[in-house]
Amino acid sequence: MTGSNHTGRISGHQAASGQFADITSQCFINAPFEQLRQGLLPLFLAHRLRPEIGLEGDCLWTARRDEFQAVADQLHEHGLACTLHAPFSDLAPGAADRRIREITRDKLRRAFELAGVFQARAIVCHLGYDDRKGSYKFDDWLRHSLETWNELLDLAAMSNTPVMLENTYERTPEIHRALLTELAGRDIGFCLDVGHLTAYAHSTWQVFLDTLLPWLRHLHLHDNNGERDEHIAIGQGCFPFQELFAFLRQQQLSLLFTLEPHSEKDLWQSLQAIAEMRLFSPQFPLASAGRPEKS
């Protein structure tokens, strides 16, 4: 959850947080690490929100290990689980240029090394695939990507952390299918980002899940109007959430869910929309990946 000032605004939504406790206990909320340590963390602790901690920006280069540990300790003390979102801007796990791959792997390693610190339920990653470039030498891109992800999966295995590969700019499910097929037997799954489907792929959840349902383990939930990745509240855009959740209910899958609002206002609107649409239910228990929360 991005935005300006989150401090001093906790009490206004205290009643609402209790109202939505059955929902927030079943999902994670996106929270950039830099904002958590600059004032966002009290909001999460007060409302018992479980963060998906974003490691974008310079924090992996500049923050000390004890700064990450301090945030992790507070979450553990409050019995709040979390997931991690690995950095992605400017990174290219399957780059043709060896030096670009090296700096990408270096930054991603730093993120994966924090999985044990936070006892993360999962770490979500982007492929960095661009069809305008990768399609011309797809086999090379796939080979370089597999080298990157196999190394990182070995790191994730040390903390028993599942890795989720999220759709971003990929226009078809075939890119993920090729990679996930080659990584069979590893603790890896697919994260369906519904906002990216409409904003970037201009495709439908049916097209992607027809191919990737066997790997589906995580969903990123936010909305837009089909033109930009706006990250507005659920129900304020054009994505058919009720249709998707009716399908998922039939599959009886065990999934992780993350809400990705970019403002506190959109967070509360998303929670209200989930409640009104009755999207979350006992049919959607948290995946058994990671460690149990404290009672």
C-alpha atoms as a PDB file:
ATOM      1  CA  MET A   1       0.000   0.000   0.000  1.00  0.00           C
ATOM      2  CA  THR A   2       1.541   3.245  -1.100  1.00  0.00           C
ATOM      3  CA  GLY A   3       0.461   6.760  -0.301  1.00  0.00           C
ATOM      4  CA  SER A   4       1.442   9.781   1.751  1.00  0.00           C
ATOM      5  CA  ASN A   5       0.931  10.063   5.490  1.00  0.00           C
ATOM      6  CA  HIS A   6      -0.378   7.011   7.350  1.00  0.00           C
ATOM      7  CA  THR A   7       0.495   8.050  10.897  1.00  0.00           C
ATOM      8  CA  GLY A   8      -2.111   9.725  13.055  1.00  0.00           C
ATOM      9  CA  ARG A   9      -4.965   8.135  11.103  1.00  0.00           C
ATOM     10  CA  ILE A  10      -5.264   4.808  12.863  1.00  0.00           C
ATOM     11  CA  SER A  11      -8.178   5.507  15.203  1.00  0.00           C
ATOM     12  CA  GLY A  12     -10.517   6.592  12.420  1.00  0.00           C
ATOM     13  CA  HIS A  13     -10.700   3.077  11.024  1.00  0.00           C
ATOM     14  CA  GLN A  14     -10.356   1.115  14.253  1.00  0.00           C
ATOM     15  CA  ALA A  15     -13.979  -0.077  14.142  1.00  0.00           C
ATOM     16  CA  ALA A  16     -13.701  -0.915  10.462  1.00  0.00           C
ATOM     17  CA  SER A  17     -10.634  -3.072  11.061  1.00  0.00           C
ATOM     18  CA  GLY A  18     -12.613  -5.200  13.502  1.00  0.00           C
ATOM     19  CA  GLN A  19     -15.470  -5.438  11.047  1.00  0.00           C
ATOM     20  CA  PHE A  20     -13.135  -6.850   8.399  1.00  0.00           C
ATOM     21  CA  ALA A  21     -11.060  -9.082  10.680  1.00  0.00           C
ATOM     22  CA  ASP A  22     -12.408 -12.241   9.052  1.00  0.00           C
ATOM     23  CA  ILE A  23     -11.126 -10.942   5.713  1.00  0.00           C
ATOM     24  CA  THR A  24      -7.762  -9.536   6.797  1.00  0.00           C
ATOM     25  CA  SER A  25      -7.009 -12.819   8.575  1.00  0.00           C
ATOM     26  CA  GLN A  26      -7.184 -14.524   5.165  1.00  0.00           C
ATOM     27  CA  CYS A  27      -5.058 -12.173   3.094  1.00  0.00           C
ATOM     28  CA  PHE A  28      -1.956 -10.016   2.955  1.00  0.00           C
ATOM     29  CA  ILE A  29      -1.736  -6.293   2.149  1.00  0.00           C
ATOM     30  CA  ASN A  30       1.052  -4.839   0.036  1.00  0.00           C
ATOM     31  CA  ALA A  31       3.450  -2.696   2.075  1.00  0.00           C
ATOM     32  CA  PRO A  32       6.777  -1.303   0.792  1.00  0.00           C
ATOM     33  CA  PHE A  33       9.541  -1.902   3.330  1.00  0.00           C
ATOM     34  CA  GLU A  34      10.671   1.718   3.146  1.00  0.00           C
ATOM     35  CA  GLN A  35       7.192   2.877   4.153  1.00  0.00           C
ATOM     36  CA  LEU A  36       6.899   0.301   6.933  1.00  0.00           C
ATOM     37  CA  ARG A  37       9.980   1.669   8.644  1.00  0.00           C
ATOM     38  CA  GLN A  38       8.981   5.286   7.956  1.00  0.00           C
ATOM     39  CA  GLY A  39       5.598   5.174   9.678  1.00  0.00           C
ATOM     40  CA  LEU A  40       3.329   2.608   7.993  1.00  0.00           C
ATOM     41  CA  LEU A  41       4.073  -0.256  10.390  1.00  0.00           C
ATOM     42  CA  PRO A  42       1.891   1.072  13.273  1.00  0.00           C
ATOM     43  CA  LEU A  43      -1.145   1.032  10.961  1.00  0.00           C
ATOM     44  CA  PHE A  44      -0.532  -2.642  10.196  1.00  0.00           C
ATOM     45  CA  LEU A  45       0.047  -3.568  13.832  1.00  0.00           C
ATOM     46  CA  ALA A  46      -3.009  -1.650  15.092  1.00  0.00           C
ATOM     47  CA  HIS A  47      -5.341  -3.243  12.548  1.00  0.00           C
ATOM     48  CA  ARG A  48      -3.623  -6.634  12.540  1.00  0.00           C
ATOM     49  CA  LEU A  49      -2.940  -6.372   8.827  1.00  0.00           C
ATOM     50  CA  ARG A  50      -0.516  -8.931   7.449  1.00  0.00           C
ATOM     51  CA  PRO A  51       1.924  -7.304   5.026  1.00  0.00           C
ATOM     52  CA  GLU A  52       3.312  -8.416   1.728  1.00  0.00           C
ATOM     53  CA  ILE A  53       6.579  -6.566   2.149  1.00  0.00           C
ATOM     54  CA  GLY A  54       7.818  -4.941  -1.045  1.00  0.00           C
ATOM     55  CA  LEU A  55      11.595  -4.826  -1.455  1.00  0.00           C
ATOM     56  CA  GLU A  56      11.630  -2.415  -4.391  1.00  0.00           C
ATOM     57  CA  GLY A  57      13.921   0.583  -4.565  1.00  0.00           C
ATOM     58  CA  ASP A  58      17.257   0.943  -2.789  1.00  0.00           C
ATOM     59  CA  CYS A  59      16.419  -0.734   0.533  1.00  0.00           C
ATOM     60  CA  LEU A  60      18.270  -3.947  -0.352  1.00  0.00           C
ATOM     61  CA  TRP A  61      21.406  -1.880  -0.974  1.00  0.00           C
ATOM     62  CA  THR A  62      21.104   0.586   1.904  1.00  0.00           C
ATOM     63  CA  ALA A  63      19.193  -0.982   4.812  1.00  0.00           C
ATOM     64  CA  ARG A  64      21.151  -2.970   7.391  1.00  0.00           C
ATOM     65  CA  ARG A  65      20.169  -6.505   8.325  1.00  0.00           C
ATOM     66  CA  ASP A  66      19.191  -5.348  11.821  1.00  0.00           C
ATOM     67  CA  GLU A  67      16.712  -2.860  10.287  1.00  0.00           C
ATOM     68  CA  PHE A  68      14.942  -5.689   8.486  1.00  0.00           C
ATOM     69  CA  GLN A  69      15.138  -7.782  11.664  1.00  0.00           C
ATOM     70  CA  ALA A  70      13.543  -4.997  13.716  1.00  0.00           C
ATOM     71  CA  VAL A  71      10.459  -4.935  11.477  1.00  0.00           C
ATOM     72  CA  ALA A  72      10.323  -8.720  11.425  1.00  0.00           C
ATOM     73  CA  ASP A  73      10.530  -8.864  15.229  1.00  0.00           C
ATOM     74  CA  GLN A  74       7.554  -6.533  15.611  1.00  0.00           C
ATOM     75  CA  LEU A  75       5.470  -8.610  13.225  1.00  0.00           C
ATOM     76  CA  HIS A  76       6.435 -11.800  15.067  1.00  0.00           C
ATOM     77  CA  GLU A  77       5.631 -10.234  18.451  1.00  0.00           C
ATOM     78  CA  HIS A  78       2.145  -9.356  17.197  1.00  0.00           C
ATOM     79  CA  GLY A  79       1.622 -12.793  15.660  1.00  0.00           C
ATOM     80  CA  LEU A  80       1.385 -11.421  12.117  1.00  0.00           C
ATOM     81  CA  ALA A  81       2.568 -13.506   9.191  1.00  0.00           C
ATOM     82  CA  CYS A  82       3.894 -11.903   6.021  1.00  0.00           C
ATOM     83  CA  THR A  83       4.931 -12.569   2.461  1.00  0.00           C
ATOM     84  CA  LEU A  84       7.715 -10.846   0.525  1.00  0.00           C
ATOM     85  CA  HIS A  85       7.639  -9.221  -2.884  1.00  0.00           C
ATOM     86  CA  ALA A  86      11.027  -9.334  -4.568  1.00  0.00           C
ATOM     87  CA  PRO A  87      12.300  -6.267  -6.465  1.00  0.00           C
ATOM     88  CA  PHE A  88      11.614  -6.103 -10.186  1.00  0.00           C
ATOM     89  CA  SER A  89      12.202  -2.617 -11.637  1.00  0.00           C
ATOM     90  CA  ASP A  90      15.169  -2.567 -14.043  1.00  0.00           C
ATOM     91  CA  LEU A  91      15.890  -6.253 -13.340  1.00  0.00           C
ATOM     92  CA  ALA A  92      16.132  -8.950 -16.001  1.00  0.00           C
ATOM     93  CA  PRO A  93      16.499 -12.539 -14.704  1.00  0.00           C
ATOM     94  CA  GLY A  94      16.760 -13.849 -18.278  1.00  0.00           C
ATOM     95  CA  ALA A  95      18.875 -11.062 -19.771  1.00  0.00           C
ATOM     96  CA  ALA A  96      21.185 -11.829 -22.667  1.00  0.00           C
ATOM     97  CA  ASP A  97      23.866  -9.590 -21.155  1.00  0.00           C
ATOM     98  CA  ARG A  98      25.864 -11.484 -18.511  1.00  0.00           C
ATOM     99  CA  ARG A  99      26.558  -8.379 -16.415  1.00  0.00           C
ATOM    100  CA  ILE A 100      22.857  -7.485 -16.321  1.00  0.00           C
ATOM    101  CA  ARG A 101      22.069 -11.020 -15.153  1.00  0.00           C
ATOM    102  CA  GLU A 102      24.749 -10.756 -12.467  1.00  0.00           C
ATOM    103  CA  ILE A 103      23.397  -7.526 -10.958  1.00  0.00           C
ATOM    104  CA  THR A 104      19.843  -8.897 -11.191  1.00  0.00           C
ATOM    105  CA  ARG A 105      20.814 -12.070  -9.352  1.00  0.00           C
ATOM    106  CA  ASP A 106      22.743 -10.096  -6.752  1.00  0.00           C
ATOM    107  CA  LYS A 107      19.734  -7.959  -5.882  1.00  0.00           C
ATOM    108  CA  LEU A 108      17.324 -10.904  -5.916  1.00  0.00           C
ATOM    109  CA  ARG A 109      19.671 -12.926  -3.684  1.00  0.00           C
ATOM    110  CA  ARG A 110      19.502 -10.151  -1.111  1.00  0.00           C
ATOM    111  CA  ALA A 111      15.708 -10.387  -1.148  1.00  0.00           C
ATOM    112  CA  PHE A 112      15.676 -14.169  -0.864  1.00  0.00           C
ATOM    113  CA  GLU A 113      18.132 -14.077   2.025  1.00  0.00           C
ATOM    114  CA  LEU A 114      15.489 -12.147   4.001  1.00  0.00           C
ATOM    115  CA  ALA A 115      12.872 -14.898   3.676  1.00  0.00           C
ATOM    116  CA  GLY A 116      14.152 -16.591   6.810  1.00  0.00           C
ATOM    117  CA  VAL A 117      14.354 -13.309   8.736  1.00  0.00           C
ATOM    118  CA  PHE A 118      10.676 -12.600   8.085  1.00  0.00           C
ATOM    119  CA  GLN A 119       9.605 -16.267   8.123  1.00  0.00           C
ATOM    120  CA  ALA A 120       7.799 -15.404   4.913  1.00  0.00           C
ATOM    121  CA  ARG A 121       4.881 -17.519   3.742  1.00  0.00           C
ATOM    122  CA  ALA A 122       6.036 -16.925   0.150  1.00  0.00           C
ATOM    123  CA  ILE A 123       8.173 -14.643  -1.986  1.00  0.00           C
ATOM    124  CA  VAL A 124       6.589 -13.217  -5.143  1.00  0.00           C
ATOM    125  CA  CYS A 125       8.725 -12.474  -8.188  1.00  0.00           C
ATOM    126  CA  HIS A 126       8.392 -11.044 -11.700  1.00  0.00           C
ATOM    127  CA  LEU A 127       9.865 -12.728 -14.777  1.00  0.00           C
ATOM    128  CA  GLY A 128      11.118  -9.522 -16.389  1.00  0.00           C
ATOM    129  CA  TYR A 129       9.942 -10.813 -19.748  1.00  0.00           C
ATOM    130  CA  ASP A 130       9.353  -8.418 -22.636  1.00  0.00           C
ATOM    131  CA  ASP A 131       7.823 -10.060 -25.698  1.00  0.00           C
ATOM    132  CA  ARG A 132       9.211  -7.339 -27.942  1.00  0.00           C
ATOM    133  CA  LYS A 133      12.721  -8.581 -27.156  1.00  0.00           C
ATOM    134  CA  GLY A 134      12.445 -12.035 -25.616  1.00  0.00           C
ATOM    135  CA  SER A 135      10.363 -13.613 -28.358  1.00  0.00           C
ATOM    136  CA  TYR A 136      13.201 -13.305 -30.881  1.00  0.00           C
ATOM    137  CA  LYS A 137      15.562 -15.447 -28.804  1.00  0.00           C
ATOM    138  CA  PHE A 138      13.156 -17.184 -26.489  1.00  0.00           C
ATOM    139  CA  ASP A 139      15.284 -20.296 -25.954  1.00  0.00           C
ATOM    140  CA  ASP A 140      18.196 -18.153 -24.763  1.00  0.00           C
ATOM    141  CA  TRP A 141      15.905 -16.153 -22.481  1.00  0.00           C
ATOM    142  CA  LEU A 142      14.478 -19.352 -21.031  1.00  0.00           C
ATOM    143  CA  ARG A 143      17.923 -20.874 -20.456  1.00  0.00           C
ATOM    144  CA  HIS A 144      19.222 -17.774 -18.655  1.00  0.00           C
ATOM    145  CA  SER A 145      16.014 -17.489 -16.628  1.00  0.00           C
ATOM    146  CA  LEU A 146      16.213 -21.102 -15.499  1.00  0.00           C
ATOM    147  CA  GLU A 147      19.776 -20.560 -14.292  1.00  0.00           C
ATOM    148  CA  THR A 148      18.594 -17.563 -12.260  1.00  0.00           C
ATOM    149  CA  TRP A 149      15.515 -19.203 -10.753  1.00  0.00           C
ATOM    150  CA  ASN A 150      17.214 -22.504  -9.946  1.00  0.00           C
ATOM    151  CA  GLU A 151      19.857 -20.644  -7.950  1.00  0.00           C
ATOM    152  CA  LEU A 152      17.212 -18.603  -6.136  1.00  0.00           C
ATOM    153  CA  LEU A 153      15.027 -21.646  -5.482  1.00  0.00           C
ATOM    154  CA  ASP A 154      17.982 -23.256  -3.735  1.00  0.00           C
ATOM    155  CA  LEU A 155      18.172 -20.185  -1.486  1.00  0.00           C
ATOM    156  CA  ALA A 156      14.427 -20.234  -0.837  1.00  0.00           C
ATOM    157  CA  ALA A 157      14.573 -23.913   0.087  1.00  0.00           C
ATOM    158  CA  MET A 158      16.889 -23.073   2.980  1.00  0.00           C
ATOM    159  CA  SER A 159      13.990 -21.272   4.704  1.00  0.00           C
ATOM    160  CA  ASN A 160      11.219 -23.479   3.246  1.00  0.00           C
ATOM    161  CA  THR A 161       9.814 -20.473   1.390  1.00  0.00           C
ATOM    162  CA  PRO A 162       7.670 -21.081  -1.706  1.00  0.00           C
ATOM    163  CA  VAL A 163       8.417 -18.924  -4.748  1.00  0.00           C
ATOM    164  CA  MET A 164       5.522 -17.420  -6.723  1.00  0.00           C
ATOM    165  CA  LEU A 165       6.018 -16.181 -10.291  1.00  0.00           C
ATOM    166  CA  GLU A 166       3.618 -13.346 -11.092  1.00  0.00           C
ATOM    167  CA  ASN A 167       2.253 -12.278 -14.469  1.00  0.00           C
ATOM    168  CA  THR A 168       3.157  -8.733 -15.446  1.00  0.00           C
ATOM    169  CA  TYR A 169       3.681  -7.768 -19.096  1.00  0.00           C
ATOM    170  CA  GLU A 170       3.273 -11.304 -20.482  1.00  0.00           C
ATOM    171  CA  ARG A 171       0.435 -11.332 -22.995  1.00  0.00           C
ATOM    172  CA  THR A 172      -0.149 -15.069 -22.900  1.00  0.00           C
ATOM    173  CA  PRO A 173       0.256 -17.777 -20.241  1.00  0.00           C
ATOM    174  CA  GLU A 174       2.787 -19.643 -22.360  1.00  0.00           C
ATOM    175  CA  ILE A 175       5.832 -17.858 -20.930  1.00  0.00           C
ATOM    176  CA  HIS A 176       4.983 -18.947 -17.384  1.00  0.00           C
ATOM    177  CA  ARG A 177       4.013 -22.416 -18.568  1.00  0.00           C
ATOM    178  CA  ALA A 178       7.398 -22.946 -20.231  1.00  0.00           C
ATOM    179  CA  LEU A 179       9.312 -21.805 -17.149  1.00  0.00           C
ATOM    180  CA  LEU A 180       7.165 -23.642 -14.593  1.00  0.00           C
ATOM    181  CA  THR A 181       7.272 -26.846 -16.601  1.00  0.00           C
ATOM    182  CA  GLU A 182      11.069 -26.778 -16.602  1.00  0.00           C
ATOM    183  CA  LEU A 183      11.048 -26.140 -12.842  1.00  0.00           C
ATOM    184  CA  ALA A 184       8.857 -29.127 -12.045  1.00  0.00           C
ATOM    185  CA  GLY A 185       9.546 -30.580  -8.616  1.00  0.00           C
ATOM    186  CA  ARG A 186      10.631 -27.265  -7.101  1.00  0.00           C
ATOM    187  CA  ASP A 187       8.589 -25.355  -4.506  1.00  0.00           C
ATOM    188  CA  ILE A 188       7.253 -22.851  -7.021  1.00  0.00           C
ATOM    189  CA  GLY A 189       3.844 -21.667  -8.148  1.00  0.00           C
ATOM    190  CA  PHE A 190       1.973 -19.122 -10.210  1.00  0.00           C
ATOM    191  CA  CYS A 191       0.686 -15.817  -8.829  1.00  0.00           C
ATOM    192  CA  LEU A 192      -2.245 -14.495 -10.850  1.00  0.00           C
ATOM    193  CA  ASP A 193      -2.249 -10.690 -10.787  1.00  0.00           C
ATOM    194  CA  VAL A 194      -5.730  -9.767 -11.971  1.00  0.00           C
ATOM    195  CA  GLY A 195      -4.918  -6.094 -12.508  1.00  0.00           C
ATOM    196  CA  HIS A 196      -2.030  -6.916 -14.801  1.00  0.00           C
ATOM    197  CA  LEU A 197      -4.297  -9.161 -16.851  1.00  0.00           C
ATOM    198  CA  THR A 198      -6.542  -6.283 -17.814  1.00  0.00           C
ATOM    199  CA  ALA A 199      -3.971  -3.470 -17.953  1.00  0.00           C
ATOM    200  CA  TYR A 200      -1.092  -5.228 -19.725  1.00  0.00           C
ATOM    201  CA  ALA A 201      -2.133  -8.564 -21.196  1.00  0.00           C
ATOM    202  CA  HIS A 202      -5.592  -7.295 -22.214  1.00  0.00           C
ATOM    203  CA  SER A 203      -6.618 -10.869 -21.613  1.00  0.00           C
ATOM    204  CA  THR A 204      -8.957 -12.766 -19.300  1.00  0.00           C
ATOM    205  CA  TRP A 205      -8.458 -14.920 -16.257  1.00  0.00           C
ATOM    206  CA  GLN A 206     -10.009 -17.821 -18.212  1.00  0.00           C
ATOM    207  CA  VAL A 207      -7.244 -17.705 -20.820  1.00  0.00           C
ATOM    208  CA  PHE A 208      -4.471 -17.708 -18.212  1.00  0.00           C
ATOM    209  CA  LEU A 209      -5.979 -20.272 -15.843  1.00  0.00           C
ATOM    210  CA  ASP A 210      -6.887 -22.652 -18.651  1.00  0.00           C
ATOM    211  CA  THR A 211      -3.119 -23.177 -18.913  1.00  0.00           C
ATOM    212  CA  LEU A 212      -1.752 -22.246 -15.487  1.00  0.00           C
ATOM    213  CA  LEU A 213      -4.372 -23.578 -13.064  1.00  0.00           C
ATOM    214  CA  PRO A 214      -2.161 -26.565 -12.055  1.00  0.00           C
ATOM    215  CA  TRP A 215       0.434 -24.083 -10.747  1.00  0.00           C
ATOM    216  CA  LEU A 216      -1.933 -21.513  -9.211  1.00  0.00           C
ATOM    217  CA  ARG A 217      -1.047 -20.823  -5.564  1.00  0.00           C
ATOM    218  CA  HIS A 218      -1.357 -17.063  -5.073  1.00  0.00           C
ATOM    219  CA  LEU A 219      -3.511 -14.136  -6.250  1.00  0.00           C
ATOM    220  CA  HIS A 220      -2.826 -10.400  -6.328  1.00  0.00           C
ATOM    221  CA  LEU A 221      -6.091  -8.487  -6.096  1.00  0.00           C
ATOM    222  CA  HIS A 222      -6.598  -4.891  -7.267  1.00  0.00           C
ATOM    223  CA  ASP A 223      -8.560  -3.197 -10.022  1.00  0.00           C
ATOM    224  CA  ASN A 224      -8.264  -0.836 -12.980  1.00  0.00           C
ATOM    225  CA  ASN A 225     -10.241   0.283 -16.019  1.00  0.00           C
ATOM    226  CA  GLY A 226      -8.305  -1.761 -18.555  1.00  0.00           C
ATOM    227  CA  GLU A 227      -5.866   0.893 -19.718  1.00  0.00           C
ATOM    228  CA  ARG A 228      -3.389   1.532 -16.882  1.00  0.00           C
ATOM    229  CA  ASP A 229      -2.163  -0.417 -13.858  1.00  0.00           C
ATOM    230  CA  GLU A 230      -4.008   1.915 -11.490  1.00  0.00           C
ATOM    231  CA  HIS A 231      -4.197  -0.330  -8.391  1.00  0.00           C
ATOM    232  CA  ILE A 232      -7.564   1.113  -7.417  1.00  0.00           C
ATOM    233  CA  ALA A 233      -9.994  -0.523  -5.022  1.00  0.00           C
ATOM    234  CA  ILE A 234     -11.620  -3.846  -5.837  1.00  0.00           C
ATOM    235  CA  GLY A 235     -14.918  -3.218  -7.563  1.00  0.00           C
ATOM    236  CA  GLN A 236     -13.959   0.264  -8.820  1.00  0.00           C
ATOM    237  CA  GLY A 237     -12.675  -0.994 -12.170  1.00  0.00           C
ATOM    238  CA  CYS A 238     -13.640  -3.593 -14.740  1.00  0.00           C
ATOM    239  CA  PHE A 239     -12.302  -6.906 -13.410  1.00  0.00           C
ATOM    240  CA  PRO A 240     -15.012  -9.584 -12.832  1.00  0.00           C
ATOM    241  CA  PHE A 241     -14.065 -10.630  -9.290  1.00  0.00           C
ATOM    242  CA  GLN A 242     -17.256 -12.534  -8.523  1.00  0.00           C
ATOM    243  CA  GLU A 243     -16.910 -14.573 -11.690  1.00  0.00           C
ATOM    244  CA  LEU A 244     -13.313 -15.527 -10.870  1.00  0.00           C
ATOM    245  CA  PHE A 245     -14.065 -16.411  -7.251  1.00  0.00           C
ATOM    246  CA  ALA A 246     -17.048 -18.542  -8.234  1.00  0.00           C
ATOM    247  CA  PHE A 247     -14.657 -20.557 -10.401  1.00  0.00           C
ATOM    248  CA  LEU A 248     -12.016 -20.798  -7.682  1.00  0.00           C
ATOM    249  CA  ARG A 249     -14.634 -21.967  -5.191  1.00  0.00           C
ATOM    250  CA  GLN A 250     -15.452 -24.867  -7.505  1.00  0.00           C
ATOM    251  CA  GLN A 251     -11.773 -25.845  -7.692  1.00  0.00           C
ATOM    252  CA  GLN A 252     -11.446 -26.015  -3.869  1.00  0.00           C
ATOM    253  CA  LEU A 253      -7.899 -24.700  -4.025  1.00  0.00           C
ATOM    254  CA  SER A 254      -5.734 -23.650  -1.104  1.00  0.00           C
ATOM    255  CA  LEU A 255      -4.456 -20.206  -2.045  1.00  0.00           C
ATOM    256  CA  LEU A 256      -2.645 -17.151  -0.755  1.00  0.00           C
ATOM    257  CA  PHE A 257      -4.274 -13.771  -1.397  1.00  0.00           C
ATOM    258  CA  THR A 258      -2.694 -10.314  -1.425  1.00  0.00           C
ATOM    259  CA  LEU A 259      -4.592  -7.036  -1.762  1.00  0.00           C
ATOM    260  CA  GLU A 260      -2.610  -4.400  -3.636  1.00  0.00           C
ATOM    261  CA  PRO A 261      -4.223  -0.999  -3.059  1.00  0.00           C
ATOM    262  CA  HIS A 262      -2.039   2.064  -3.536  1.00  0.00           C
ATOM    263  CA  SER A 263      -3.765   4.138  -0.866  1.00  0.00           C
ATOM    264  CA  GLU A 264      -5.312   3.598   2.541  1.00  0.00           C
ATOM    265  CA  LYS A 265      -8.679   4.730   1.153  1.00  0.00           C
ATOM    266  CA  ASP A 266      -8.532   2.023  -1.507  1.00  0.00           C
ATOM    267  CA  LEU A 267      -7.616  -0.548   1.139  1.00  0.00           C
ATOM    268  CA  TRP A 268     -10.807   0.068   3.146  1.00  0.00           C
ATOM    269  CA  GLN A 269     -12.885   0.233  -0.038  1.00  0.00           C
ATOM    270  CA  SER A 270     -11.408  -3.080  -1.162  1.00  0.00           C
ATOM    271  CA  LEU A 271     -12.219  -4.732   2.151  1.00  0.00           C
ATOM    272  CA  GLN A 272     -15.774  -3.393   1.962  1.00  0.00           C
ATOM    273  CA  ALA A 273     -16.141  -4.715  -1.592  1.00  0.00           C
ATOM    274  CA  ILE A 274     -14.847  -8.158  -0.604  1.00  0.00           C
ATOM    275  CA  ALA A 275     -17.372  -8.244   2.226  1.00  0.00           C
ATOM    276  CA  GLU A 276     -20.268  -7.148   0.010  1.00  0.00           C
ATOM    277  CA  MET A 277     -19.355  -9.592  -2.773  1.00  0.00           C
ATOM    278  CA  ARG A 278     -18.668 -12.356  -0.220  1.00  0.00           C
ATOM    279  CA  LEU A 279     -15.480 -13.262  -2.056  1.00  0.00           C
ATOM    280  CA  PHE A 280     -13.680 -14.799   0.924  1.00  0.00           C
ATOM    281  CA  SER A 281     -15.128 -17.806   2.658  1.00  0.00           C
ATOM    282  CA  PRO A 282     -14.022 -20.969   4.531  1.00  0.00           C
ATOM    283  CA  GLN A 283     -13.430 -22.534   1.120  1.00  0.00           C
ATOM    284  CA  PHE A 284     -10.271 -20.416   0.882  1.00  0.00           C
ATOM    285  CA  PRO A 285      -7.945 -21.392   3.750  1.00  0.00           C
ATOM    286  CA  LEU A 286      -4.420 -20.091   3.691  1.00  0.00           C
ATOM    287  CA  ALA A 287      -1.978 -22.328   1.918  1.00  0.00           C
ATOM    288  CA  SER A 288       0.055 -24.555   4.219  1.00  0.00           C
ATOM    289  CA  ALA A 289       3.271 -22.998   2.941  1.00  0.00           C
ATOM    290  CA  GLY A 290       5.503 -21.415   5.548  1.00  0.00           C
ATOM    291  CA  ARG A 291       5.170 -21.387   9.304  1.00  0.00           C
ATOM    292  CA  PRO A 292       2.004 -21.174  11.393  1.00  0.00           C
ATOM    293  CA  GLU A 293       1.146 -17.886  13.023  1.00  0.00           C
ATOM    294  CA  LYS A 294       1.243 -17.365  16.761  1.00  0.00           C
ATOM    295  CA  SER A 295      -2.138 -17.555  18.449  1.00  0.00           C
END
